[in-house]
Amino acid sequence: IEGSPVDHAVFEQLLQSYDEGVAEFL
C-alpha cells in the first residue's frame, strides 16, 4: 500500500503513542 490505511482522525490519535512500531506505521 501507499500512505496510511487510517483516516486523519485515527492518525492524530495514534500520534499520541510512544510505541516505536506505531511511529514506523505513521
mmCIF file of all heavy atoms, coordinates in Angstrom:
data_MODEL
# 
_entry.id   MODEL 
# 
loop_
_atom_site.group_PDB 
_atom_site.id 
_atom_site.type_symbol 
_atom_site.label_atom_id 
_atom_site.label_alt_id 
_atom_site.label_comp_id 
_atom_site.label_asym_id 
_atom_site.label_entity_id 
_atom_site.label_seq_id 
_atom_site.pdbx_PDB_ins_code 
_atom_site.Cartn_x 
_atom_site.Cartn_y 
_atom_site.Cartn_z 
_atom_site.occupancy 
_atom_site.B_iso_or_equiv 
_atom_site.pdbx_formal_charge 
_atom_site.auth_seq_id 
_atom_site.auth_comp_id 
_atom_site.auth_asym_id 
_atom_site.auth_atom_id 
_atom_site.pdbx_PDB_model_num 
ATOM 1   N N   . ILE A 1 1  ? 0.847   -1.188 0.000  1.00 0.00 ? 1  ILE A N   1 
ATOM 2   C CA  . ILE A 1 1  ? 0.000   0.000  0.000  1.00 0.00 ? 1  ILE A CA  1 
ATOM 3   C C   . ILE A 1 1  ? 0.881   1.236  0.000  1.00 0.00 ? 1  ILE A C   1 
ATOM 4   O O   . ILE A 1 1  ? 2.058   1.181  0.349  1.00 0.00 ? 1  ILE A O   1 
ATOM 5   C CB  . ILE A 1 1  ? -0.949  0.043  1.227  1.00 0.00 ? 1  ILE A CB  1 
ATOM 6   C CG1 . ILE A 1 1  ? -0.149  0.065  2.535  1.00 0.00 ? 1  ILE A CG1 1 
ATOM 7   C CG2 . ILE A 1 1  ? -1.937  -1.110 1.191  1.00 0.00 ? 1  ILE A CG2 1 
ATOM 8   C CD1 . ILE A 1 1  ? -0.964  0.390  3.770  1.00 0.00 ? 1  ILE A CD1 1 
ATOM 9   N N   . GLU A 1 2  ? 0.298   2.344  -0.375 1.00 0.00 ? 2  GLU A N   1 
ATOM 10  C CA  . GLU A 1 2  ? 0.943   3.658  -0.271 1.00 0.00 ? 2  GLU A CA  1 
ATOM 11  C C   . GLU A 1 2  ? 0.226   4.425  0.818  1.00 0.00 ? 2  GLU A C   1 
ATOM 12  O O   . GLU A 1 2  ? -0.988  4.300  0.983  1.00 0.00 ? 2  GLU A O   1 
ATOM 13  C CB  . GLU A 1 2  ? 0.831   4.418  -1.599 1.00 0.00 ? 2  GLU A CB  1 
ATOM 14  C CG  . GLU A 1 2  ? 1.578   3.783  -2.747 1.00 0.00 ? 2  GLU A CG  1 
ATOM 15  C CD  . GLU A 1 2  ? 3.083   3.818  -2.564 1.00 0.00 ? 2  GLU A CD  1 
ATOM 16  O OE1 . GLU A 1 2  ? 3.600   4.794  -1.977 1.00 0.00 ? 2  GLU A OE1 1 
ATOM 17  O OE2 . GLU A 1 2  ? 3.748   2.857  -2.995 1.00 0.00 ? 2  GLU A OE2 1 
ATOM 18  N N   . GLY A 1 3  ? 0.957   5.215  1.572  1.00 0.00 ? 3  GLY A N   1 
ATOM 19  C CA  . GLY A 1 3  ? 0.329   6.051  2.581  1.00 0.00 ? 3  GLY A CA  1 
ATOM 20  C C   . GLY A 1 3  ? -0.176  5.266  3.767  1.00 0.00 ? 3  GLY A C   1 
ATOM 21  O O   . GLY A 1 3  ? 0.193   4.121  3.996  1.00 0.00 ? 3  GLY A O   1 
ATOM 22  N N   . SER A 1 4  ? -1.049  5.896  4.512  1.00 0.00 ? 4  SER A N   1 
ATOM 23  C CA  . SER A 1 4  ? -1.572  5.308  5.744  1.00 0.00 ? 4  SER A CA  1 
ATOM 24  C C   . SER A 1 4  ? -2.952  4.714  5.515  1.00 0.00 ? 4  SER A C   1 
ATOM 25  O O   . SER A 1 4  ? -3.794  5.337  4.895  1.00 0.00 ? 4  SER A O   1 
ATOM 26  C CB  . SER A 1 4  ? -1.663  6.395  6.817  1.00 0.00 ? 4  SER A CB  1 
ATOM 27  O OG  . SER A 1 4  ? -2.273  5.886  7.969  1.00 0.00 ? 4  SER A OG  1 
ATOM 28  N N   . PRO A 1 5  ? -3.207  3.522  6.079  1.00 0.00 ? 5  PRO A N   1 
ATOM 29  C CA  . PRO A 1 5  ? -4.528  2.907  5.932  1.00 0.00 ? 5  PRO A CA  1 
ATOM 30  C C   . PRO A 1 5  ? -5.538  3.366  6.988  1.00 0.00 ? 5  PRO A C   1 
ATOM 31  O O   . PRO A 1 5  ? -6.532  2.703  7.218  1.00 0.00 ? 5  PRO A O   1 
ATOM 32  C CB  . PRO A 1 5  ? -4.227  1.417  6.062  1.00 0.00 ? 5  PRO A CB  1 
ATOM 33  C CG  . PRO A 1 5  ? -3.065  1.369  6.978  1.00 0.00 ? 5  PRO A CG  1 
ATOM 34  C CD  . PRO A 1 5  ? -2.247  2.601  6.667  1.00 0.00 ? 5  PRO A CD  1 
ATOM 35  N N   . VAL A 1 6  ? -5.254  4.499  7.641  1.00 0.00 ? 6  VAL A N   1 
ATOM 36  C CA  . VAL A 1 6  ? -6.206  5.047  8.609  1.00 0.00 ? 6  VAL A CA  1 
ATOM 37  C C   . VAL A 1 6  ? -6.544  6.476  8.223  1.00 0.00 ? 6  VAL A C   1 
ATOM 38  O O   . VAL A 1 6  ? -5.746  7.170  7.598  1.00 0.00 ? 6  VAL A O   1 
ATOM 39  C CB  . VAL A 1 6  ? -5.658  5.005  10.064 1.00 0.00 ? 6  VAL A CB  1 
ATOM 40  C CG1 . VAL A 1 6  ? -5.452  3.576  10.522 1.00 0.00 ? 6  VAL A CG1 1 
ATOM 41  C CG2 . VAL A 1 6  ? -4.383  5.810  10.209 1.00 0.00 ? 6  VAL A CG2 1 
ATOM 42  N N   . ASP A 1 7  ? -7.728  6.918  8.632  1.00 0.00 ? 7  ASP A N   1 
ATOM 43  C CA  . ASP A 1 7  ? -8.115  8.294  8.313  1.00 0.00 ? 7  ASP A CA  1 
ATOM 44  C C   . ASP A 1 7  ? -7.386  9.276  9.229  1.00 0.00 ? 7  ASP A C   1 
ATOM 45  O O   . ASP A 1 7  ? -6.709  8.890  10.188 1.00 0.00 ? 7  ASP A O   1 
ATOM 46  C CB  . ASP A 1 7  ? -9.636  8.463  8.380  1.00 0.00 ? 7  ASP A CB  1 
ATOM 47  C CG  . ASP A 1 7  ? -10.218 8.252  9.767  1.00 0.00 ? 7  ASP A CG  1 
ATOM 48  O OD1 . ASP A 1 7  ? -9.533  8.549  10.770 1.00 0.00 ? 7  ASP A OD1 1 
ATOM 49  O OD2 . ASP A 1 7  ? -11.375 7.800  9.840  1.00 0.00 ? 7  ASP A OD2 1 
ATOM 50  N N   . HIS A 1 8  ? -7.535  10.557 8.930  1.00 0.00 ? 8  HIS A N   1 
ATOM 51  C CA  . HIS A 1 8  ? -6.783  11.594 9.635  1.00 0.00 ? 8  HIS A CA  1 
ATOM 52  C C   . HIS A 1 8  ? -7.076  11.604 11.140 1.00 0.00 ? 8  HIS A C   1 
ATOM 53  O O   . HIS A 1 8  ? -6.169  11.779 11.955 1.00 0.00 ? 8  HIS A O   1 
ATOM 54  C CB  . HIS A 1 8  ? -7.087  12.969 9.025  1.00 0.00 ? 8  HIS A CB  1 
ATOM 55  C CG  . HIS A 1 8  ? -6.298  14.067 9.658  1.00 0.00 ? 8  HIS A CG  1 
ATOM 56  N ND1 . HIS A 1 8  ? -4.945  14.207 9.467  1.00 0.00 ? 8  HIS A ND1 1 
ATOM 57  C CD2 . HIS A 1 8  ? -6.674  15.041 10.525 1.00 0.00 ? 8  HIS A CD2 1 
ATOM 58  C CE1 . HIS A 1 8  ? -4.508  15.236 10.190 1.00 0.00 ? 8  HIS A CE1 1 
ATOM 59  N NE2 . HIS A 1 8  ? -5.539  15.764 10.830 1.00 0.00 ? 8  HIS A NE2 1 
ATOM 60  N N   . ALA A 1 9  ? -8.325  11.407 11.531 1.00 0.00 ? 9  ALA A N   1 
ATOM 61  C CA  . ALA A 1 9  ? -8.683  11.430 12.956 1.00 0.00 ? 9  ALA A CA  1 
ATOM 62  C C   . ALA A 1 9  ? -7.972  10.311 13.718 1.00 0.00 ? 9  ALA A C   1 
ATOM 63  O O   . ALA A 1 9  ? -7.450  10.535 14.819 1.00 0.00 ? 9  ALA A O   1 
ATOM 64  C CB  . ALA A 1 9  ? -10.198 11.313 13.126 1.00 0.00 ? 9  ALA A CB  1 
ATOM 65  N N   . VAL A 1 10 ? -7.917  9.120  13.144 1.00 0.00 ? 10 VAL A N   1 
ATOM 66  C CA  . VAL A 1 10 ? -7.217  7.999  13.791 1.00 0.00 ? 10 VAL A CA  1 
ATOM 67  C C   . VAL A 1 10 ? -5.714  8.270  13.787 1.00 0.00 ? 10 VAL A C   1 
ATOM 68  O O   . VAL A 1 10 ? -5.026  8.030  14.781 1.00 0.00 ? 10 VAL A O   1 
ATOM 69  C CB  . VAL A 1 10 ? -7.559  6.662  13.102 1.00 0.00 ? 10 VAL A CB  1 
ATOM 70  C CG1 . VAL A 1 10 ? -6.691  5.532  13.643 1.00 0.00 ? 10 VAL A CG1 1 
ATOM 71  C CG2 . VAL A 1 10 ? -9.029  6.347  13.265 1.00 0.00 ? 10 VAL A CG2 1 
ATOM 72  N N   . PHE A 1 11 ? -5.205  8.788  12.685 1.00 0.00 ? 11 PHE A N   1 
ATOM 73  C CA  . PHE A 1 11 ? -3.789  9.145  12.591 1.00 0.00 ? 11 PHE A CA  1 
ATOM 74  C C   . PHE A 1 11 ? -3.416  10.068 13.744 1.00 0.00 ? 11 PHE A C   1 
ATOM 75  O O   . PHE A 1 11 ? -2.402  9.865  14.416 1.00 0.00 ? 11 PHE A O   1 
ATOM 76  C CB  . PHE A 1 11 ? -3.514  9.814  11.239 1.00 0.00 ? 11 PHE A CB  1 
ATOM 77  C CG  . PHE A 1 11 ? -2.065  10.106 10.976 1.00 0.00 ? 11 PHE A CG  1 
ATOM 78  C CD1 . PHE A 1 11 ? -1.271  9.210  10.291 1.00 0.00 ? 11 PHE A CD1 1 
ATOM 79  C CD2 . PHE A 1 11 ? -1.490  11.303 11.397 1.00 0.00 ? 11 PHE A CD2 1 
ATOM 80  C CE1 . PHE A 1 11 ? 0.068   9.481  10.038 1.00 0.00 ? 11 PHE A CE1 1 
ATOM 81  C CE2 . PHE A 1 11 ? -0.157  11.582 11.159 1.00 0.00 ? 11 PHE A CE2 1 
ATOM 82  C CZ  . PHE A 1 11 ? 0.624   10.672 10.473 1.00 0.00 ? 11 PHE A CZ  1 
ATOM 83  N N   . GLU A 1 12 ? -4.221  11.081 13.990 1.00 0.00 ? 12 GLU A N   1 
ATOM 84  C CA  . GLU A 1 12 ? -3.966  12.037 15.073 1.00 0.00 ? 12 GLU A CA  1 
ATOM 85  C C   . GLU A 1 12 ? -3.958  11.340 16.437 1.00 0.00 ? 12 GLU A C   1 
ATOM 86  O O   . GLU A 1 12 ? -3.141  11.651 17.299 1.00 0.00 ? 12 GLU A O   1 
ATOM 87  C CB  . GLU A 1 12 ? -5.004  13.163 15.063 1.00 0.00 ? 12 GLU A CB  1 
ATOM 88  C CG  . GLU A 1 12 ? -4.853  14.116 13.881 1.00 0.00 ? 12 GLU A CG  1 
ATOM 89  C CD  . GLU A 1 12 ? -3.538  14.889 13.918 1.00 0.00 ? 12 GLU A CD  1 
ATOM 90  O OE1 . GLU A 1 12 ? -3.133  15.356 14.997 1.00 0.00 ? 12 GLU A OE1 1 
ATOM 91  O OE2 . GLU A 1 12 ? -2.911  15.014 12.845 1.00 0.00 ? 12 GLU A OE2 1 
ATOM 92  N N   . GLN A 1 13 ? -4.852  10.388 16.645 1.00 0.00 ? 13 GLN A N   1 
ATOM 93  C CA  . GLN A 1 13 ? -4.882  9.634  17.899 1.00 0.00 ? 13 GLN A CA  1 
ATOM 94  C C   . GLN A 1 13 ? -3.629  8.774  18.052 1.00 0.00 ? 13 GLN A C   1 
ATOM 95  O O   . GLN A 1 13 ? -3.042  8.701  19.129 1.00 0.00 ? 13 GLN A O   1 
ATOM 96  C CB  . GLN A 1 13 ? -6.140  8.754  17.968 1.00 0.00 ? 13 GLN A CB  1 
ATOM 97  C CG  . GLN A 1 13 ? -7.420  9.531  18.118 1.00 0.00 ? 13 GLN A CG  1 
ATOM 98  C CD  . GLN A 1 13 ? -7.497  10.247 19.454 1.00 0.00 ? 13 GLN A CD  1 
ATOM 99  O OE1 . GLN A 1 13 ? -7.163  9.689  20.490 1.00 0.00 ? 13 GLN A OE1 1 
ATOM 100 N NE2 . GLN A 1 13 ? -7.921  11.495 19.422 1.00 0.00 ? 13 GLN A NE2 1 
ATOM 101 N N   . LEU A 1 14 ? -3.212  8.134  16.962 1.00 0.00 ? 14 LEU A N   1 
ATOM 102 C CA  . LEU A 1 14 ? -2.031  7.273  17.008 1.00 0.00 ? 14 LEU A CA  1 
ATOM 103 C C   . LEU A 1 14 ? -0.756  8.064  17.295 1.00 0.00 ? 14 LEU A C   1 
ATOM 104 O O   . LEU A 1 14 ? 0.207   7.525  17.844 1.00 0.00 ? 14 LEU A O   1 
ATOM 105 C CB  . LEU A 1 14 ? -1.892  6.487  15.703 1.00 0.00 ? 14 LEU A CB  1 
ATOM 106 C CG  . LEU A 1 14 ? -2.938  5.397  15.473 1.00 0.00 ? 14 LEU A CG  1 
ATOM 107 C CD1 . LEU A 1 14 ? -2.776  4.789  14.086 1.00 0.00 ? 14 LEU A CD1 1 
ATOM 108 C CD2 . LEU A 1 14 ? -2.885  4.325  16.540 1.00 0.00 ? 14 LEU A CD2 1 
ATOM 109 N N   . LEU A 1 15 ? -0.745  9.348  16.941 1.00 0.00 ? 15 LEU A N   1 
ATOM 110 C CA  . LEU A 1 15 ? 0.415   10.189 17.233 1.00 0.00 ? 15 LEU A CA  1 
ATOM 111 C C   . LEU A 1 15 ? 0.697   10.274 18.730 1.00 0.00 ? 15 LEU A C   1 
ATOM 112 O O   . LEU A 1 15 ? 1.812   10.589 19.136 1.00 0.00 ? 15 LEU A O   1 
ATOM 113 C CB  . LEU A 1 15 ? 0.213   11.606 16.678 1.00 0.00 ? 15 LEU A CB  1 
ATOM 114 C CG  . LEU A 1 15 ? 0.493   11.797 15.198 1.00 0.00 ? 15 LEU A CG  1 
ATOM 115 C CD1 . LEU A 1 15 ? 0.104   13.205 14.766 1.00 0.00 ? 15 LEU A CD1 1 
ATOM 116 C CD2 . LEU A 1 15 ? 1.945   11.524 14.861 1.00 0.00 ? 15 LEU A CD2 1 
ATOM 117 N N   . GLN A 1 16 ? -0.288  9.979  19.544 1.00 0.00 ? 16 GLN A N   1 
ATOM 118 C CA  . GLN A 1 16 ? -0.118  10.051 20.996 1.00 0.00 ? 16 GLN A CA  1 
ATOM 119 C C   . GLN A 1 16 ? 0.609   8.834  21.564 1.00 0.00 ? 16 GLN A C   1 
ATOM 120 O O   . GLN A 1 16 ? 0.990   8.821  22.730 1.00 0.00 ? 16 GLN A O   1 
ATOM 121 C CB  . GLN A 1 16 ? -1.481  10.204 21.670 1.00 0.00 ? 16 GLN A CB  1 
ATOM 122 C CG  . GLN A 1 16 ? -2.163  11.494 21.291 1.00 0.00 ? 16 GLN A CG  1 
ATOM 123 C CD  . GLN A 1 16 ? -3.542  11.605 21.911 1.00 0.00 ? 16 GLN A CD  1 
ATOM 124 O OE1 . GLN A 1 16 ? -3.709  11.300 23.088 1.00 0.00 ? 16 GLN A OE1 1 
ATOM 125 N NE2 . GLN A 1 16 ? -4.503  12.020 21.127 1.00 0.00 ? 16 GLN A NE2 1 
ATOM 126 N N   . SER A 1 17 ? 0.834   7.815  20.749 1.00 0.00 ? 17 SER A N   1 
ATOM 127 C CA  . SER A 1 17 ? 1.505   6.603  21.205 1.00 0.00 ? 17 SER A CA  1 
ATOM 128 C C   . SER A 1 17 ? 3.012   6.825  21.305 1.00 0.00 ? 17 SER A C   1 
ATOM 129 O O   . SER A 1 17 ? 3.612   7.502  20.477 1.00 0.00 ? 17 SER A O   1 
ATOM 130 C CB  . SER A 1 17 ? 1.232   5.465  20.223 1.00 0.00 ? 17 SER A CB  1 
ATOM 131 O OG  . SER A 1 17 ? 1.983   4.328  20.588 1.00 0.00 ? 17 SER A OG  1 
ATOM 132 N N   . TYR A 1 18 ? 3.614   6.226  22.326 1.00 0.00 ? 18 TYR A N   1 
ATOM 133 C CA  . TYR A 1 18 ? 5.071   6.255  22.480 1.00 0.00 ? 18 TYR A CA  1 
ATOM 134 C C   . TYR A 1 18 ? 5.736   5.052  21.814 1.00 0.00 ? 18 TYR A C   1 
ATOM 135 O O   . TYR A 1 18 ? 6.950   4.926  21.820 1.00 0.00 ? 18 TYR A O   1 
ATOM 136 C CB  . TYR A 1 18 ? 5.443   6.252  23.969 1.00 0.00 ? 18 TYR A CB  1 
ATOM 137 C CG  . TYR A 1 18 ? 5.033   7.512  24.677 1.00 0.00 ? 18 TYR A CG  1 
ATOM 138 C CD1 . TYR A 1 18 ? 3.946   7.514  25.534 1.00 0.00 ? 18 TYR A CD1 1 
ATOM 139 C CD2 . TYR A 1 18 ? 5.721   8.702  24.471 1.00 0.00 ? 18 TYR A CD2 1 
ATOM 140 C CE1 . TYR A 1 18 ? 3.557   8.677  26.188 1.00 0.00 ? 18 TYR A CE1 1 
ATOM 141 C CE2 . TYR A 1 18 ? 5.339   9.863  25.111 1.00 0.00 ? 18 TYR A CE2 1 
ATOM 142 C CZ  . TYR A 1 18 ? 4.260   9.838  25.973 1.00 0.00 ? 18 TYR A CZ  1 
ATOM 143 O OH  . TYR A 1 18 ? 3.880   10.987 26.605 1.00 0.00 ? 18 TYR A OH  1 
ATOM 144 N N   . ASP A 1 19 ? 4.960   4.166  21.245 1.00 0.00 ? 19 ASP A N   1 
ATOM 145 C CA  . ASP A 1 19 ? 5.451   2.925  20.676 1.00 0.00 ? 19 ASP A CA  1 
ATOM 146 C C   . ASP A 1 19 ? 6.230   3.188  19.378 1.00 0.00 ? 19 ASP A C   1 
ATOM 147 O O   . ASP A 1 19 ? 5.735   3.860  18.474 1.00 0.00 ? 19 ASP A O   1 
ATOM 148 C CB  . ASP A 1 19 ? 4.238   2.019  20.407 1.00 0.00 ? 19 ASP A CB  1 
ATOM 149 C CG  . ASP A 1 19 ? 4.644   0.653  19.960 1.00 0.00 ? 19 ASP A CG  1 
ATOM 150 O OD1 . ASP A 1 19 ? 4.921   0.493  18.750 1.00 0.00 ? 19 ASP A OD1 1 
ATOM 151 O OD2 . ASP A 1 19 ? 4.671   -0.261 20.797 1.00 0.00 ? 19 ASP A OD2 1 
ATOM 152 N N   . GLU A 1 20 ? 7.442   2.640  19.287 1.00 0.00 ? 20 GLU A N   1 
ATOM 153 C CA  . GLU A 1 20 ? 8.269   2.822  18.083 1.00 0.00 ? 20 GLU A CA  1 
ATOM 154 C C   . GLU A 1 20 ? 7.624   2.213  16.848 1.00 0.00 ? 20 GLU A C   1 
ATOM 155 O O   . GLU A 1 20 ? 7.757   2.731  15.744 1.00 0.00 ? 20 GLU A O   1 
ATOM 156 C CB  . GLU A 1 20 ? 9.664   2.219  18.289 1.00 0.00 ? 20 GLU A CB  1 
ATOM 157 C CG  . GLU A 1 20 ? 10.564  3.074  19.131 1.00 0.00 ? 20 GLU A CG  1 
ATOM 158 C CD  . GLU A 1 20 ? 10.877  4.429  18.518 1.00 0.00 ? 20 GLU A CD  1 
ATOM 159 O OE1 . GLU A 1 20 ? 11.304  4.490  17.343 1.00 0.00 ? 20 GLU A OE1 1 
ATOM 160 O OE2 . GLU A 1 20 ? 10.684  5.433  19.220 1.00 0.00 ? 20 GLU A OE2 1 
ATOM 161 N N   . GLY A 1 21 ? 6.928   1.094  17.018 1.00 0.00 ? 21 GLY A N   1 
ATOM 162 C CA  . GLY A 1 21 ? 6.253   0.472  15.884 1.00 0.00 ? 21 GLY A CA  1 
ATOM 163 C C   . GLY A 1 21 ? 5.146   1.346  15.331 1.00 0.00 ? 21 GLY A C   1 
ATOM 164 O O   . GLY A 1 21 ? 4.926   1.391  14.122 1.00 0.00 ? 21 GLY A O   1 
ATOM 165 N N   . VAL A 1 22 ? 4.447   2.044  16.207 1.00 0.00 ? 22 VAL A N   1 
ATOM 166 C CA  . VAL A 1 22 ? 3.415   2.977  15.746 1.00 0.00 ? 22 VAL A CA  1 
ATOM 167 C C   . VAL A 1 22 ? 4.078   4.128  14.997 1.00 0.00 ? 22 VAL A C   1 
ATOM 168 O O   . VAL A 1 22 ? 3.582   4.579  13.968 1.00 0.00 ? 22 VAL A O   1 
ATOM 169 C CB  . VAL A 1 22 ? 2.533   3.474  16.919 1.00 0.00 ? 22 VAL A CB  1 
ATOM 170 C CG1 . VAL A 1 22 ? 1.581   4.561  16.464 1.00 0.00 ? 22 VAL A CG1 1 
ATOM 171 C CG2 . VAL A 1 22 ? 1.761   2.301  17.515 1.00 0.00 ? 22 VAL A CG2 1 
ATOM 172 N N   . ALA A 1 23 ? 5.238   4.588  15.478 1.00 0.00 ? 23 ALA A N   1 
ATOM 173 C CA  . ALA A 1 23 ? 5.974   5.638  14.766 1.00 0.00 ? 23 ALA A CA  1 
ATOM 174 C C   . ALA A 1 23 ? 6.368   5.174  13.365 1.00 0.00 ? 23 ALA A C   1 
ATOM 175 O O   . ALA A 1 23 ? 6.281   5.941  12.401 1.00 0.00 ? 23 ALA A O   1 
ATOM 176 C CB  . ALA A 1 23 ? 7.209   6.045  15.566 1.00 0.00 ? 23 ALA A CB  1 
ATOM 177 N N   . GLU A 1 24 ? 6.769   3.909  13.248 1.00 0.00 ? 24 GLU A N   1 
ATOM 178 C CA  . GLU A 1 24 ? 7.071   3.349  11.924 1.00 0.00 ? 24 GLU A CA  1 
ATOM 179 C C   . GLU A 1 24 ? 5.824   3.362  11.048 1.00 0.00 ? 24 GLU A C   1 
ATOM 180 O O   . GLU A 1 24 ? 5.867   3.749  9.887  1.00 0.00 ? 24 GLU A O   1 
ATOM 181 C CB  . GLU A 1 24 ? 7.541   1.895  12.039 1.00 0.00 ? 24 GLU A CB  1 
ATOM 182 C CG  . GLU A 1 24 ? 8.906   1.701  12.604 1.00 0.00 ? 24 GLU A CG  1 
ATOM 183 C CD  . GLU A 1 24 ? 9.213   0.221  12.690 1.00 0.00 ? 24 GLU A CD  1 
ATOM 184 O OE1 . GLU A 1 24 ? 8.695   -0.455 13.592 1.00 0.00 ? 24 GLU A OE1 1 
ATOM 185 O OE2 . GLU A 1 24 ? 9.986   -0.245 11.827 1.00 0.00 ? 24 GLU A OE2 1 
ATOM 186 N N   . PHE A 1 25 ? 4.722   2.898  11.620 1.00 0.00 ? 25 PHE A N   1 
ATOM 187 C CA  . PHE A 1 25 ? 3.456   2.848  10.902 1.00 0.00 ? 25 PHE A CA  1 
ATOM 188 C C   . PHE A 1 25 ? 3.061   4.229  10.388 1.00 0.00 ? 25 PHE A C   1 
ATOM 189 O O   . PHE A 1 25 ? 2.615   4.387  9.257  1.00 0.00 ? 25 PHE A O   1 
ATOM 190 C CB  . PHE A 1 25 ? 2.364   2.297  11.823 1.00 0.00 ? 25 PHE A CB  1 
ATOM 191 C CG  . PHE A 1 25 ? 0.975   2.405  11.277 1.00 0.00 ? 25 PHE A CG  1 
ATOM 192 C CD1 . PHE A 1 25 ? 0.529   1.518  10.307 1.00 0.00 ? 25 PHE A CD1 1 
ATOM 193 C CD2 . PHE A 1 25 ? 0.107   3.391  11.723 1.00 0.00 ? 25 PHE A CD2 1 
ATOM 194 C CE1 . PHE A 1 25 ? -0.752  1.613  9.800  1.00 0.00 ? 25 PHE A CE1 1 
ATOM 195 C CE2 . PHE A 1 25 ? -1.176  3.488  11.231 1.00 0.00 ? 25 PHE A CE2 1 
ATOM 196 C CZ  . PHE A 1 25 ? -1.610  2.591  10.258 1.00 0.00 ? 25 PHE A CZ  1 
ATOM 197 N N   . LEU A 1 26 ? 3.245   5.251  11.233 1.00 0.00 ? 26 LEU A N   1 
ATOM 198 C CA  . LEU A 1 26 ? 2.873   6.610  10.867 1.00 0.00 ? 26 LEU A CA  1 
ATOM 199 C C   . LEU A 1 26 ? 3.892   7.253  9.929  1.00 0.00 ? 26 LEU A C   1 
ATOM 200 O O   . LEU A 1 26 ? 3.678   8.354  9.455  1.00 0.00 ? 26 LEU A O   1 
ATOM 201 C CB  . LEU A 1 26 ? 2.710   7.468  12.131 1.00 0.00 ? 26 LEU A CB  1 
ATOM 202 C CG  . LEU A 1 26 ? 1.601   7.031  13.084 1.00 0.00 ? 26 LEU A CG  1 
ATOM 203 C CD1 . LEU A 1 26 ? 1.621   7.893  14.345 1.00 0.00 ? 26 LEU A CD1 1 
ATOM 204 C CD2 . LEU A 1 26 ? 0.238   7.077  12.414 1.00 0.00 ? 26 LEU A CD2 1 
# 
